Amino acid sequence: MSVFGIDYAWGRPGVAALKRAGAKFVCRYVSHDTTGKNLTRKEADELSAAGLWLVVVWETTARRALSGRSGGAADAEDADRMARACGMPPERPIYFAVDFDASSAQQDRINAYLDGAAGVIGRERVGLYGGYGPVKRCLDAGKATWAWQTYAWSKGRWDRRAHIQQYSNSHELNGVSVDYNRAVKGDYGQWRVGETPSEDDMPDYVSVGAAAGQALPGGAWTTLAWDIEYSDTTGQHADGGGPALLSGPARYALTVSVTLRDLPAGARVQARAIEVSADDAARFAAGPVQQYIGAGTDVTSLLYGLPADTIDGKRRLHFQIHHDATGQATVTAATAKLLYWRD
């Protein structure tokens, strides 16, 4: 699960258009530009009043991050001053742009630039915008705490540590060119004027998958095992490819997508989430059961959604499937994504 956001430069789509598009946050610029690119206090007030979150990125020229430590220090000083003037709380991060296909040979200069920025605003507030290569290298080196990765120059790769993914460019919204983003962490550096998100505003995120081949015998509930881990920064799926998705206590929203083969047309399929006792796996409480019908084609697709639920302490969240066909069905692909909030 992710949160949809939009970034834009010189145009202003307006609050109404942003909300109609489903945006929950907006990424905006601070820079030395004098032609209307930058976020203003008036705009920040309007976005905040409408309930939209803001994220700020510093960009002057695409290759400015090659200017080394002195450039990073100078830019961080200006970026912090401008962002605070727009109402950004002082502890919130600033992303610094590497808006070109930076090579590994250029990383030392980029790292020096980030060192300069950290010397002014603190390492805990330094973020980087860029493609897969510079994002991975700066995070590996501990030079940035936050990352906003663009699909450009990334060749289909995503660094799972990135907080925001810019996944599609050059759309038009209310006559303005905009880019599409998704926040994949609960805290991605967002703020409103004078407001830092509370813990309740910032869910944590788990995303796991299951490789093809899990067998589902007819007439029995089968618990899926999740052997592919995409995102789990707090170790909820800590059982090494096992069934656990979340440990309580927590509030959560769950989405599971599964494709099955070898189900005859008309076969009844059921899916449910269950809360299993951490002390005794035979003890569990079952959640809502959702019903599906076998398609009788090569694959049957299931989409299970639990938009709001809670799990008690000392319990683990698992996911199960049941079908009434006489033969055996097989999982060809499965993903589970959840947002959760600690009570």
C-alpha atoms as a PDB file:
ATOM      1  CA  MET A   1       0.000   0.000   0.000  1.00  0.00           C
ATOM      2  CA  SER A   2       1.200   3.498  -0.711  1.00  0.00           C
ATOM      3  CA  VAL A   3       0.134   7.137  -0.603  1.00  0.00           C
ATOM      4  CA  PHE A   4      -0.320   9.064  -3.855  1.00  0.00           C
ATOM      5  CA  GLY A   5       1.370  12.430  -4.313  1.00  0.00           C
ATOM      6  CA  ILE A   6       2.143  14.939  -7.056  1.00  0.00           C
ATOM      7  CA  ASP A   7       5.117  17.175  -7.764  1.00  0.00           C
ATOM      8  CA  TYR A   8       5.177  20.209 -10.022  1.00  0.00           C
ATOM      9  CA  ALA A   9       7.332  23.255 -10.724  1.00  0.00           C
ATOM     10  CA  TRP A  10       6.172  26.484 -12.370  1.00  0.00           C
ATOM     11  CA  GLY A  11       2.458  25.825 -12.774  1.00  0.00           C
ATOM     12  CA  ARG A  12      -0.079  25.558  -9.971  1.00  0.00           C
ATOM     13  CA  PRO A  13      -2.846  22.988 -10.504  1.00  0.00           C
ATOM     14  CA  GLY A  14      -4.735  24.307  -7.469  1.00  0.00           C
ATOM     15  CA  VAL A  15      -6.040  22.598  -4.367  1.00  0.00           C
ATOM     16  CA  ALA A  16      -9.331  21.477  -5.912  1.00  0.00           C
ATOM     17  CA  ALA A  17      -7.630  19.739  -8.846  1.00  0.00           C
ATOM     18  CA  LEU A  18      -5.059  18.090  -6.582  1.00  0.00           C
ATOM     19  CA  LYS A  19      -7.760  16.667  -4.342  1.00  0.00           C
ATOM     20  CA  ARG A  20      -9.861  15.489  -7.281  1.00  0.00           C
ATOM     21  CA  ALA A  21      -6.791  13.644  -8.546  1.00  0.00           C
ATOM     22  CA  GLY A  22      -6.527  11.862  -5.187  1.00  0.00           C
ATOM     23  CA  ALA A  23      -3.260  13.464  -4.078  1.00  0.00           C
ATOM     24  CA  LYS A  24      -2.481  13.250  -0.372  1.00  0.00           C
ATOM     25  CA  PHE A  25       0.807  15.134  -0.565  1.00  0.00           C
ATOM     26  CA  VAL A  26       2.635  17.585  -2.816  1.00  0.00           C
ATOM     27  CA  CYS A  27       6.380  17.816  -3.469  1.00  0.00           C
ATOM     28  CA  ARG A  28       7.504  21.385  -4.099  1.00  0.00           C
ATOM     29  CA  TYR A  29      10.724  23.237  -4.856  1.00  0.00           C
ATOM     30  CA  VAL A  30      12.886  25.705  -3.032  1.00  0.00           C
ATOM     31  CA  SER A  31      15.766  27.174  -5.033  1.00  0.00           C
ATOM     32  CA  HIS A  32      17.380  30.376  -6.303  1.00  0.00           C
ATOM     33  CA  ASP A  33      14.801  30.603  -9.090  1.00  0.00           C
ATOM     34  CA  THR A  34      12.984  33.943  -9.466  1.00  0.00           C
ATOM     35  CA  THR A  35      10.476  32.980 -12.179  1.00  0.00           C
ATOM     36  CA  GLY A  36       7.815  31.262 -10.069  1.00  0.00           C
ATOM     37  CA  LYS A  37       9.158  27.747  -9.519  1.00  0.00           C
ATOM     38  CA  ASN A  38       9.437  27.952  -5.748  1.00  0.00           C
ATOM     39  CA  LEU A  39       6.966  27.119  -3.020  1.00  0.00           C
ATOM     40  CA  THR A  40       5.551  30.243  -1.385  1.00  0.00           C
ATOM     41  CA  ARG A  41       4.077  30.761   2.058  1.00  0.00           C
ATOM     42  CA  LYS A  42       0.680  31.543   0.511  1.00  0.00           C
ATOM     43  CA  GLU A  43       0.716  28.274  -1.427  1.00  0.00           C
ATOM     44  CA  ALA A  44       1.869  26.316   1.622  1.00  0.00           C
ATOM     45  CA  ASP A  45      -0.960  27.834   3.674  1.00  0.00           C
ATOM     46  CA  GLU A  46      -3.531  26.879   1.020  1.00  0.00           C
ATOM     47  CA  LEU A  47      -2.266  23.311   0.690  1.00  0.00           C
ATOM     48  CA  SER A  48      -2.093  22.851   4.459  1.00  0.00           C
ATOM     49  CA  ALA A  49      -5.589  24.251   5.002  1.00  0.00           C
ATOM     50  CA  ALA A  50      -6.885  21.716   2.483  1.00  0.00           C
ATOM     51  CA  GLY A  51      -5.320  18.845   4.443  1.00  0.00           C
ATOM     52  CA  LEU A  52      -2.528  18.152   1.952  1.00  0.00           C
ATOM     53  CA  TRP A  53       0.963  17.340   3.188  1.00  0.00           C
ATOM     54  CA  LEU A  54       4.054  19.000   1.732  1.00  0.00           C
ATOM     55  CA  VAL A  55       7.569  17.776   0.963  1.00  0.00           C
ATOM     56  CA  VAL A  56      10.354  20.121  -0.154  1.00  0.00           C
ATOM     57  CA  VAL A  57      13.206  19.506  -2.568  1.00  0.00           C
ATOM     58  CA  TRP A  58      16.125  21.829  -3.312  1.00  0.00           C
ATOM     59  CA  GLU A  59      17.155  22.071  -6.948  1.00  0.00           C
ATOM     60  CA  THR A  60      18.950  24.841  -8.816  1.00  0.00           C
ATOM     61  CA  THR A  61      20.696  23.123 -11.725  1.00  0.00           C
ATOM     62  CA  ALA A  62      20.564  19.399 -12.430  1.00  0.00           C
ATOM     63  CA  ARG A  63      24.260  18.839 -11.624  1.00  0.00           C
ATOM     64  CA  ARG A  64      24.538  21.176  -8.659  1.00  0.00           C
ATOM     65  CA  ALA A  65      25.240  18.211  -6.349  1.00  0.00           C
ATOM     66  CA  LEU A  66      28.676  17.903  -7.978  1.00  0.00           C
ATOM     67  CA  SER A  67      29.721  21.192  -6.335  1.00  0.00           C
ATOM     68  CA  GLY A  68      31.128  19.394  -3.291  1.00  0.00           C
ATOM     69  CA  ARG A  69      31.043  20.226   0.401  1.00  0.00           C
ATOM     70  CA  SER A  70      31.010  23.999   0.027  1.00  0.00           C
ATOM     71  CA  GLY A  71      28.128  23.848  -2.442  1.00  0.00           C
ATOM     72  CA  GLY A  72      26.138  21.577  -0.157  1.00  0.00           C
ATOM     73  CA  ALA A  73      26.659  23.837   2.839  1.00  0.00           C
ATOM     74  CA  ALA A  74      25.608  26.950   0.927  1.00  0.00           C
ATOM     75  CA  ASP A  75      22.554  25.250  -0.544  1.00  0.00           C
ATOM     76  CA  ALA A  76      21.442  23.789   2.778  1.00  0.00           C
ATOM     77  CA  GLU A  77      21.599  27.199   4.422  1.00  0.00           C
ATOM     78  CA  ASP A  78      19.422  28.746   1.709  1.00  0.00           C
ATOM     79  CA  ALA A  79      17.075  25.760   1.494  1.00  0.00           C
ATOM     80  CA  ASP A  80      16.467  25.711   5.238  1.00  0.00           C
ATOM     81  CA  ARG A  81      15.808  29.448   5.352  1.00  0.00           C
ATOM     82  CA  MET A  82      13.357  29.326   2.440  1.00  0.00           C
ATOM     83  CA  ALA A  83      11.529  26.231   3.675  1.00  0.00           C
ATOM     84  CA  ARG A  84      11.103  27.639   7.176  1.00  0.00           C
ATOM     85  CA  ALA A  85       9.770  30.873   5.676  1.00  0.00           C
ATOM     86  CA  CYS A  86       7.077  28.726   4.054  1.00  0.00           C
ATOM     87  CA  GLY A  87       6.085  27.301   7.439  1.00  0.00           C
ATOM     88  CA  MET A  88       8.069  24.055   7.473  1.00  0.00           C
ATOM     89  CA  PRO A  89       8.728  22.840  11.035  1.00  0.00           C
ATOM     90  CA  PRO A  90      12.466  23.000  11.828  1.00  0.00           C
ATOM     91  CA  GLU A  91      12.959  19.244  12.275  1.00  0.00           C
ATOM     92  CA  ARG A  92      11.582  18.202   8.874  1.00  0.00           C
ATOM     93  CA  PRO A  93      13.936  16.965   6.112  1.00  0.00           C
ATOM     94  CA  ILE A  94      14.919  18.594   2.831  1.00  0.00           C
ATOM     95  CA  TYR A  95      15.604  16.535  -0.292  1.00  0.00           C
ATOM     96  CA  PHE A  96      18.543  17.672  -2.443  1.00  0.00           C
ATOM     97  CA  ALA A  97      18.225  16.865  -6.141  1.00  0.00           C
ATOM     98  CA  VAL A  98      20.593  14.839  -8.302  1.00  0.00           C
ATOM     99  CA  ASP A  99      18.524  15.311 -11.443  1.00  0.00           C
ATOM    100  CA  PHE A 100      20.749  13.479 -13.929  1.00  0.00           C
ATOM    101  CA  ASP A 101      22.170  10.011 -14.539  1.00  0.00           C
ATOM    102  CA  ALA A 102      24.991  10.282 -12.016  1.00  0.00           C
ATOM    103  CA  SER A 103      27.750   7.700 -12.337  1.00  0.00           C
ATOM    104  CA  SER A 104      29.576   5.889  -9.571  1.00  0.00           C
ATOM    105  CA  ALA A 105      32.667   7.930 -10.459  1.00  0.00           C
ATOM    106  CA  GLN A 106      30.749  11.075  -9.473  1.00  0.00           C
ATOM    107  CA  GLN A 107      29.529   9.731  -6.151  1.00  0.00           C
ATOM    108  CA  ASP A 108      32.414  11.084  -4.074  1.00  0.00           C
ATOM    109  CA  ARG A 109      31.502  14.629  -5.089  1.00  0.00           C
ATOM    110  CA  ILE A 110      27.827  13.968  -4.389  1.00  0.00           C
ATOM    111  CA  ASN A 111      28.697  12.534  -0.980  1.00  0.00           C
ATOM    112  CA  ALA A 112      30.817  15.591  -0.222  1.00  0.00           C
ATOM    113  CA  TYR A 113      27.876  17.811  -1.190  1.00  0.00           C
ATOM    114  CA  LEU A 114      25.639  15.891   1.225  1.00  0.00           C
ATOM    115  CA  ASP A 115      28.311  16.173   3.927  1.00  0.00           C
ATOM    116  CA  GLY A 116      28.217  19.932   3.458  1.00  0.00           C
ATOM    117  CA  ALA A 117      24.440  19.976   3.782  1.00  0.00           C
ATOM    118  CA  ALA A 118      24.603  17.779   6.897  1.00  0.00           C
ATOM    119  CA  GLY A 119      27.039  20.215   8.483  1.00  0.00           C
ATOM    120  CA  VAL A 120      24.341  22.894   8.309  1.00  0.00           C
ATOM    121  CA  ILE A 121      21.011  21.144   8.942  1.00  0.00           C
ATOM    122  CA  GLY A 122      22.127  17.837  10.471  1.00  0.00           C
ATOM    123  CA  ARG A 123      22.435  14.438   8.837  1.00  0.00           C
ATOM    124  CA  GLU A 124      19.014  13.417  10.156  1.00  0.00           C
ATOM    125  CA  ARG A 125      17.392  16.032   7.897  1.00  0.00           C
ATOM    126  CA  VAL A 126      19.343  15.345   4.690  1.00  0.00           C
ATOM    127  CA  GLY A 127      17.458  13.674   1.855  1.00  0.00           C
ATOM    128  CA  LEU A 128      18.418  12.911  -1.733  1.00  0.00           C
ATOM    129  CA  TYR A 129      16.332  12.875  -4.909  1.00  0.00           C
ATOM    130  CA  GLY A 130      17.752  10.861  -7.792  1.00  0.00           C
ATOM    131  CA  GLY A 131      17.832   7.620  -9.722  1.00  0.00           C
ATOM    132  CA  TYR A 132      18.596   4.186  -8.333  1.00  0.00           C
ATOM    133  CA  GLY A 133      22.392   4.525  -8.497  1.00  0.00           C
ATOM    134  CA  PRO A 134      22.959   7.707  -6.468  1.00  0.00           C
ATOM    135  CA  VAL A 135      20.147   6.809  -4.066  1.00  0.00           C
ATOM    136  CA  LYS A 136      21.630   3.400  -3.305  1.00  0.00           C
ATOM    137  CA  ARG A 137      25.190   4.670  -3.044  1.00  0.00           C
ATOM    138  CA  CYS A 138      24.404   7.563  -0.728  1.00  0.00           C
ATOM    139  CA  LEU A 139      22.252   5.388   1.547  1.00  0.00           C
ATOM    140  CA  ASP A 140      24.907   2.670   1.619  1.00  0.00           C
ATOM    141  CA  ALA A 141      27.469   5.289   2.653  1.00  0.00           C
ATOM    142  CA  GLY A 142      25.203   6.837   5.283  1.00  0.00           C
ATOM    143  CA  LYS A 143      25.302  10.230   3.592  1.00  0.00           C
ATOM    144  CA  ALA A 144      21.515  10.736   3.475  1.00  0.00           C
ATOM    145  CA  THR A 145      18.753   9.739   5.862  1.00  0.00           C
ATOM    146  CA  TRP A 146      15.894  10.231   3.414  1.00  0.00           C
ATOM    147  CA  ALA A 147      15.521   9.175  -0.227  1.00  0.00           C
ATOM    148  CA  TRP A 148      13.138  10.113  -3.021  1.00  0.00           C
ATOM    149  CA  GLN A 149      13.868   7.868  -5.988  1.00  0.00           C
ATOM    150  CA  THR A 150      12.797   8.577  -9.556  1.00  0.00           C
ATOM    151  CA  TYR A 151      12.180   5.830 -12.090  1.00  0.00           C
ATOM    152  CA  ALA A 152      14.377   7.789 -14.515  1.00  0.00           C
ATOM    153  CA  TRP A 153      17.820   6.207 -14.936  1.00  0.00           C
ATOM    154  CA  SER A 154      16.760   3.393 -12.565  1.00  0.00           C
ATOM    155  CA  LYS A 155      16.216   0.672 -15.210  1.00  0.00           C
ATOM    156  CA  GLY A 156      13.251  -0.770 -13.359  1.00  0.00           C
ATOM    157  CA  ARG A 157      15.061  -1.106 -10.027  1.00  0.00           C
ATOM    158  CA  TRP A 158      13.786   0.363  -6.764  1.00  0.00           C
ATOM    159  CA  ASP A 159      15.785   0.750  -3.584  1.00  0.00           C
ATOM    160  CA  ARG A 160      13.498  -0.555  -0.851  1.00  0.00           C
ATOM    161  CA  ARG A 161      14.874   2.031   1.584  1.00  0.00           C
ATOM    162  CA  ALA A 162      13.531   4.977  -0.426  1.00  0.00           C
ATOM    163  CA  HIS A 163      10.696   6.906   1.188  1.00  0.00           C
ATOM    164  CA  ILE A 164       9.119   8.243  -2.018  1.00  0.00           C
ATOM    165  CA  GLN A 165       9.024   6.801  -5.537  1.00  0.00           C
ATOM    166  CA  GLN A 166       8.507   9.079  -8.527  1.00  0.00           C
ATOM    167  CA  TYR A 167       7.080   6.527 -10.930  1.00  0.00           C
ATOM    168  CA  SER A 168       5.607   8.502 -13.859  1.00  0.00           C
ATOM    169  CA  ASN A 169       6.339  11.912 -15.384  1.00  0.00           C
ATOM    170  CA  SER A 170       4.789  14.510 -17.688  1.00  0.00           C
ATOM    171  CA  HIS A 171       1.101  14.263 -16.877  1.00  0.00           C
ATOM    172  CA  GLU A 172      -1.254  17.229 -17.143  1.00  0.00           C
ATOM    173  CA  LEU A 173      -3.482  18.368 -14.296  1.00  0.00           C
ATOM    174  CA  ASN A 174      -5.639  21.452 -14.717  1.00  0.00           C
ATOM    175  CA  GLY A 175      -3.334  22.629 -17.491  1.00  0.00           C
ATOM    176  CA  VAL A 176      -0.152  22.098 -15.450  1.00  0.00           C
ATOM    177  CA  SER A 177       2.597  19.539 -16.084  1.00  0.00           C
ATOM    178  CA  VAL A 178       2.906  17.242 -13.059  1.00  0.00           C
ATOM    179  CA  ASP A 179       4.686  14.044 -12.041  1.00  0.00           C
ATOM    180  CA  TYR A 180       3.194  11.127 -10.112  1.00  0.00           C
ATOM    181  CA  ASN A 181       4.714   9.851  -6.873  1.00  0.00           C
ATOM    182  CA  ARG A 182       3.943   7.342  -4.170  1.00  0.00           C
ATOM    183  CA  ALA A 183       5.126   7.484  -0.574  1.00  0.00           C
ATOM    184  CA  VAL A 184       6.009   3.967   0.561  1.00  0.00           C
ATOM    185  CA  LYS A 185       6.994   4.770   4.147  1.00  0.00           C
ATOM    186  CA  GLY A 186       4.763   6.134   6.877  1.00  0.00           C
ATOM    187  CA  ASP A 187       7.048   9.095   7.480  1.00  0.00           C
ATOM    188  CA  TYR A 188       8.411  10.401   4.190  1.00  0.00           C
ATOM    189  CA  GLY A 189       9.331  13.903   5.352  1.00  0.00           C
ATOM    190  CA  GLN A 190       5.855  15.395   5.090  1.00  0.00           C
ATOM    191  CA  TRP A 191       4.623  18.473   6.928  1.00  0.00           C
ATOM    192  CA  ARG A 192       1.967  21.154   6.982  1.00  0.00           C
ATOM    193  CA  VAL A 193       2.499  24.765   7.980  1.00  0.00           C
ATOM    194  CA  GLY A 194       3.614  24.627  11.593  1.00  0.00           C
ATOM    195  CA  GLU A 195       2.675  20.942  11.850  1.00  0.00           C
ATOM    196  CA  THR A 196       4.691  17.751  11.998  1.00  0.00           C
ATOM    197  CA  PRO A 197       2.684  14.535  11.542  1.00  0.00           C
ATOM    198  CA  SER A 198       1.895  12.721  14.761  1.00  0.00           C
ATOM    199  CA  GLU A 199       2.584   9.039  15.251  1.00  0.00           C
ATOM    200  CA  ASP A 200      -1.042   8.299  14.355  1.00  0.00           C
ATOM    201  CA  ASP A 201      -0.525  10.002  10.995  1.00  0.00           C
ATOM    202  CA  MET A 202       2.493   7.864  10.125  1.00  0.00           C
ATOM    203  CA  PRO A 203       1.770   4.170   9.644  1.00  0.00           C
ATOM    204  CA  ASP A 204       4.536   1.666   9.121  1.00  0.00           C
ATOM    205  CA  TYR A 205       4.502  -0.494   5.996  1.00  0.00           C
ATOM    206  CA  VAL A 206       4.972  -4.180   5.182  1.00  0.00           C
ATOM    207  CA  SER A 207       5.084  -5.579   1.645  1.00  0.00           C
ATOM    208  CA  VAL A 208       5.777  -9.275   1.018  1.00  0.00           C
ATOM    209  CA  GLY A 209       5.221 -11.818  -1.723  1.00  0.00           C
ATOM    210  CA  ALA A 210       4.935 -15.549  -2.259  1.00  0.00           C
ATOM    211  CA  ALA A 211       6.762 -17.438  -4.967  1.00  0.00           C
ATOM    212  CA  ALA A 212       4.811 -19.716  -7.279  1.00  0.00           C
ATOM    213  CA  GLY A 213       4.210 -23.309  -6.279  1.00  0.00           C
ATOM    214  CA  GLN A 214       2.416 -23.350  -2.918  1.00  0.00           C
ATOM    215  CA  ALA A 215      -0.151 -26.145  -2.976  1.00  0.00           C
ATOM    216  CA  LEU A 216      -3.749 -25.637  -1.809  1.00  0.00           C
ATOM    217  CA  PRO A 217      -5.556 -28.954  -1.183  1.00  0.00           C
ATOM    218  CA  GLY A 218      -9.334 -28.920  -1.493  1.00  0.00           C
ATOM    219  CA  GLY A 219     -11.563 -28.853   1.567  1.00  0.00           C
ATOM    220  CA  ALA A 220      -9.037 -27.320   3.968  1.00  0.00           C
ATOM    221  CA  TRP A 221      -7.807 -23.904   5.029  1.00  0.00           C
ATOM    222  CA  THR A 222      -4.204 -23.347   3.900  1.00  0.00           C
ATOM    223  CA  THR A 223      -1.991 -20.676   5.453  1.00  0.00           C
ATOM    224  CA  LEU A 224       0.161 -18.900   2.888  1.00  0.00           C
ATOM    225  CA  ALA A 225       3.902 -18.581   3.478  1.00  0.00           C
ATOM    226  CA  TRP A 226       5.563 -15.335   2.394  1.00  0.00           C
ATOM    227  CA  ASP A 227       9.071 -15.989   1.102  1.00  0.00           C
ATOM    228  CA  ILE A 228       9.706 -12.694  -0.720  1.00  0.00           C
ATOM    229  CA  GLU A 229      10.217  -9.548   1.339  1.00  0.00           C
ATOM    230  CA  TYR A 230       9.888  -6.186  -0.396  1.00  0.00           C
ATOM    231  CA  SER A 231       9.577  -3.830   2.561  1.00  0.00           C
ATOM    232  CA  ASP A 232       9.600  -4.476   6.305  1.00  0.00           C
ATOM    233  CA  THR A 233      11.727  -1.950   8.162  1.00  0.00           C
ATOM    234  CA  THR A 234      10.502  -3.005  11.628  1.00  0.00           C
ATOM    235  CA  GLY A 235      10.808  -6.783  11.236  1.00  0.00           C
ATOM    236  CA  GLN A 236       7.140  -7.786  11.306  1.00  0.00           C
ATOM    237  CA  HIS A 237       7.813 -10.593   8.831  1.00  0.00           C
ATOM    238  CA  ALA A 238      10.677 -11.953  10.895  1.00  0.00           C
ATOM    239  CA  ASP A 239       9.995 -15.670  10.556  1.00  0.00           C
ATOM    240  CA  GLY A 240      12.217 -16.319   7.537  1.00  0.00           C
ATOM    241  CA  GLY A 241       9.676 -16.895   4.790  1.00  0.00           C
ATOM    242  CA  GLY A 242       6.903 -18.018   7.108  1.00  0.00           C
ATOM    243  CA  PRO A 243       3.296 -16.858   7.401  1.00  0.00           C
ATOM    244  CA  ALA A 244       3.563 -13.877   9.792  1.00  0.00           C
ATOM    245  CA  LEU A 245       2.572 -10.493   8.364  1.00  0.00           C
ATOM    246  CA  LEU A 246       2.251  -8.435  11.549  1.00  0.00           C
ATOM    247  CA  SER A 247       2.752  -8.744  15.299  1.00  0.00           C
ATOM    248  CA  GLY A 248       0.224  -7.122  17.639  1.00  0.00           C
ATOM    249  CA  PRO A 249      -0.876  -4.939  19.193  1.00  0.00           C
ATOM    250  CA  ALA A 250      -1.671  -2.674  16.254  1.00  0.00           C
ATOM    251  CA  ARG A 251      -4.324  -1.201  14.010  1.00  0.00           C
ATOM    252  CA  TYR A 252      -3.917  -2.122  10.365  1.00  0.00           C
ATOM    253  CA  ALA A 253      -5.245  -2.100   6.801  1.00  0.00           C
ATOM    254  CA  LEU A 254      -4.485  -5.165   4.674  1.00  0.00           C
ATOM    255  CA  THR A 255      -4.627  -5.889   0.945  1.00  0.00           C
ATOM    256  CA  VAL A 256      -3.759  -9.325  -0.486  1.00  0.00           C
ATOM    257  CA  SER A 257      -3.646 -10.257  -4.170  1.00  0.00           C
ATOM    258  CA  VAL A 258      -3.427 -13.941  -5.163  1.00  0.00           C
ATOM    259  CA  THR A 259      -3.576 -15.810  -8.468  1.00  0.00           C
ATOM    260  CA  LEU A 260      -4.358 -19.538  -8.525  1.00  0.00           C
ATOM    261  CA  ARG A 261      -4.360 -22.196 -11.219  1.00  0.00           C
ATOM    262  CA  ASP A 262      -6.083 -25.583 -11.526  1.00  0.00           C
ATOM    263  CA  LEU A 263      -9.412 -24.406 -10.112  1.00  0.00           C
ATOM    264  CA  PRO A 264     -12.439 -25.611 -12.099  1.00  0.00           C
ATOM    265  CA  ALA A 265     -15.153 -23.175 -13.130  1.00  0.00           C
ATOM    266  CA  GLY A 266     -17.648 -22.628 -10.331  1.00  0.00           C
ATOM    267  CA  ALA A 267     -15.388 -23.848  -7.524  1.00  0.00           C
ATOM    268  CA  ARG A 268     -16.023 -21.864  -4.366  1.00  0.00           C
ATOM    269  CA  VAL A 269     -12.967 -20.102  -2.935  1.00  0.00           C
ATOM    270  CA  GLN A 270     -12.744 -18.340   0.426  1.00  0.00           C
ATOM    271  CA  ALA A 271     -10.057 -16.125   1.935  1.00  0.00           C
ATOM    272  CA  ARG A 272      -9.568 -14.741   5.422  1.00  0.00           C
ATOM    273  CA  ALA A 273      -7.056 -13.141   7.742  1.00  0.00           C
ATOM    274  CA  ILE A 274      -6.508 -14.848  11.090  1.00  0.00           C
ATOM    275  CA  GLU A 275      -4.855 -13.752  14.326  1.00  0.00           C
ATOM    276  CA  VAL A 276      -2.737 -16.593  15.693  1.00  0.00           C
ATOM    277  CA  SER A 277      -1.559 -16.827  19.290  1.00  0.00           C
ATOM    278  CA  ALA A 278       2.200 -16.357  19.547  1.00  0.00           C
ATOM    279  CA  ASP A 279       2.269 -19.043  22.251  1.00  0.00           C
ATOM    280  CA  ASP A 280       0.092 -21.664  20.538  1.00  0.00           C
ATOM    281  CA  ALA A 281      -0.384 -21.714  16.754  1.00  0.00           C
ATOM    282  CA  ALA A 282      -3.484 -23.887  17.140  1.00  0.00           C
ATOM    283  CA  ARG A 283      -5.284 -21.012  18.842  1.00  0.00           C
ATOM    284  CA  PHE A 284      -6.496 -18.283  16.536  1.00  0.00           C
ATOM    285  CA  ALA A 285      -9.306 -15.828  15.845  1.00  0.00           C
ATOM    286  CA  ALA A 286     -10.612 -15.624  12.280  1.00  0.00           C
ATOM    287  CA  GLY A 287     -11.407 -12.371  10.536  1.00  0.00           C
ATOM    288  CA  PRO A 288     -14.036 -11.687   7.850  1.00  0.00           C
ATOM    289  CA  VAL A 289     -14.294 -14.335   5.118  1.00  0.00           C
ATOM    290  CA  GLN A 290     -14.501 -13.128   1.530  1.00  0.00           C
ATOM    291  CA  GLN A 291     -15.939 -15.346  -1.223  1.00  0.00           C
ATOM    292  CA  TYR A 292     -14.759 -15.942  -4.796  1.00  0.00           C
ATOM    293  CA  ILE A 293     -15.657 -18.282  -7.663  1.00  0.00           C
ATOM    294  CA  GLY A 294     -13.192 -20.310  -9.718  1.00  0.00           C
ATOM    295  CA  ALA A 295     -12.864 -18.887 -13.219  1.00  0.00           C
ATOM    296  CA  GLY A 296     -12.243 -22.164 -15.015  1.00  0.00           C
ATOM    297  CA  THR A 297      -9.507 -20.533 -17.094  1.00  0.00           C
ATOM    298  CA  ASP A 298      -5.759 -20.742 -16.685  1.00  0.00           C
ATOM    299  CA  VAL A 299      -5.804 -18.596 -13.531  1.00  0.00           C
ATOM    300  CA  THR A 300      -8.257 -17.371 -10.910  1.00  0.00           C
ATOM    301  CA  SER A 301      -7.455 -13.992  -9.353  1.00  0.00           C
ATOM    302  CA  LEU A 302      -8.409 -12.994  -5.806  1.00  0.00           C
ATOM    303  CA  LEU A 303      -8.214  -9.534  -4.247  1.00  0.00           C
ATOM    304  CA  TYR A 304      -8.793  -9.504  -0.497  1.00  0.00           C
ATOM    305  CA  GLY A 305      -9.183  -6.231   1.360  1.00  0.00           C
ATOM    306  CA  LEU A 306      -9.496  -5.487   5.052  1.00  0.00           C
ATOM    307  CA  PRO A 307      -9.582  -1.675   5.275  1.00  0.00           C
ATOM    308  CA  ALA A 308      -9.558  -1.363   9.058  1.00  0.00           C
ATOM    309  CA  ASP A 309      -8.973  -3.870  11.853  1.00  0.00           C
ATOM    310  CA  THR A 310      -7.015  -4.373  15.061  1.00  0.00           C
ATOM    311  CA  ILE A 311      -4.800  -7.160  16.359  1.00  0.00           C
ATOM    312  CA  ASP A 312      -4.172  -7.864  20.031  1.00  0.00           C
ATOM    313  CA  GLY A 313      -0.809  -8.255  21.697  1.00  0.00           C
ATOM    314  CA  LYS A 314       0.918 -11.648  21.526  1.00  0.00           C
ATOM    315  CA  ARG A 315      -0.823 -12.434  18.251  1.00  0.00           C
ATOM    316  CA  ARG A 316       0.472 -12.776  14.681  1.00  0.00           C
ATOM    317  CA  LEU A 317      -1.486 -11.950  11.537  1.00  0.00           C
ATOM    318  CA  HIS A 318      -1.652 -14.756   8.930  1.00  0.00           C
ATOM    319  CA  PHE A 319      -3.624 -15.177   5.692  1.00  0.00           C
ATOM    320  CA  GLN A 320      -5.526 -18.304   4.606  1.00  0.00           C
ATOM    321  CA  ILE A 321      -7.290 -19.650   1.502  1.00  0.00           C
ATOM    322  CA  HIS A 322      -9.893 -22.442   1.249  1.00  0.00           C
ATOM    323  CA  HIS A 323     -11.529 -24.012  -1.819  1.00  0.00           C
ATOM    324  CA  ASP A 324     -14.061 -26.801  -2.286  1.00  0.00           C
ATOM    325  CA  ALA A 325     -12.706 -28.385  -5.477  1.00  0.00           C
ATOM    326  CA  THR A 326     -11.726 -32.051  -5.266  1.00  0.00           C
ATOM    327  CA  GLY A 327      -8.271 -31.530  -6.724  1.00  0.00           C
ATOM    328  CA  GLN A 328      -5.333 -29.422  -5.686  1.00  0.00           C
ATOM    329  CA  ALA A 329      -4.976 -25.758  -6.645  1.00  0.00           C
ATOM    330  CA  THR A 330      -1.619 -24.009  -6.865  1.00  0.00           C
ATOM    331  CA  VAL A 331      -0.563 -20.452  -6.063  1.00  0.00           C
ATOM    332  CA  THR A 332       1.099 -18.836  -9.085  1.00  0.00           C
ATOM    333  CA  ALA A 333       1.719 -15.442  -7.442  1.00  0.00           C
ATOM    334  CA  ALA A 334       0.739 -13.584  -4.281  1.00  0.00           C
ATOM    335  CA  THR A 335       1.468 -10.259  -2.613  1.00  0.00           C
ATOM    336  CA  ALA A 336       0.390  -8.850   0.742  1.00  0.00           C
ATOM    337  CA  LYS A 337       0.659  -5.190   1.675  1.00  0.00           C
ATOM    338  CA  LEU A 338      -0.355  -3.554   4.896  1.00  0.00           C
ATOM    339  CA  LEU A 339      -0.153  -0.264   6.725  1.00  0.00           C
ATOM    340  CA  TYR A 340      -0.190  -0.445  10.514  1.00  0.00           C
ATOM    341  CA  TRP A 341      -0.276   1.888  13.481  1.00  0.00           C
ATOM    342  CA  ARG A 342       0.896   1.006  16.971  1.00  0.00           C
ATOM    343  CA  ASP A 343      -1.544   1.770  19.775  1.00  0.00           C
END
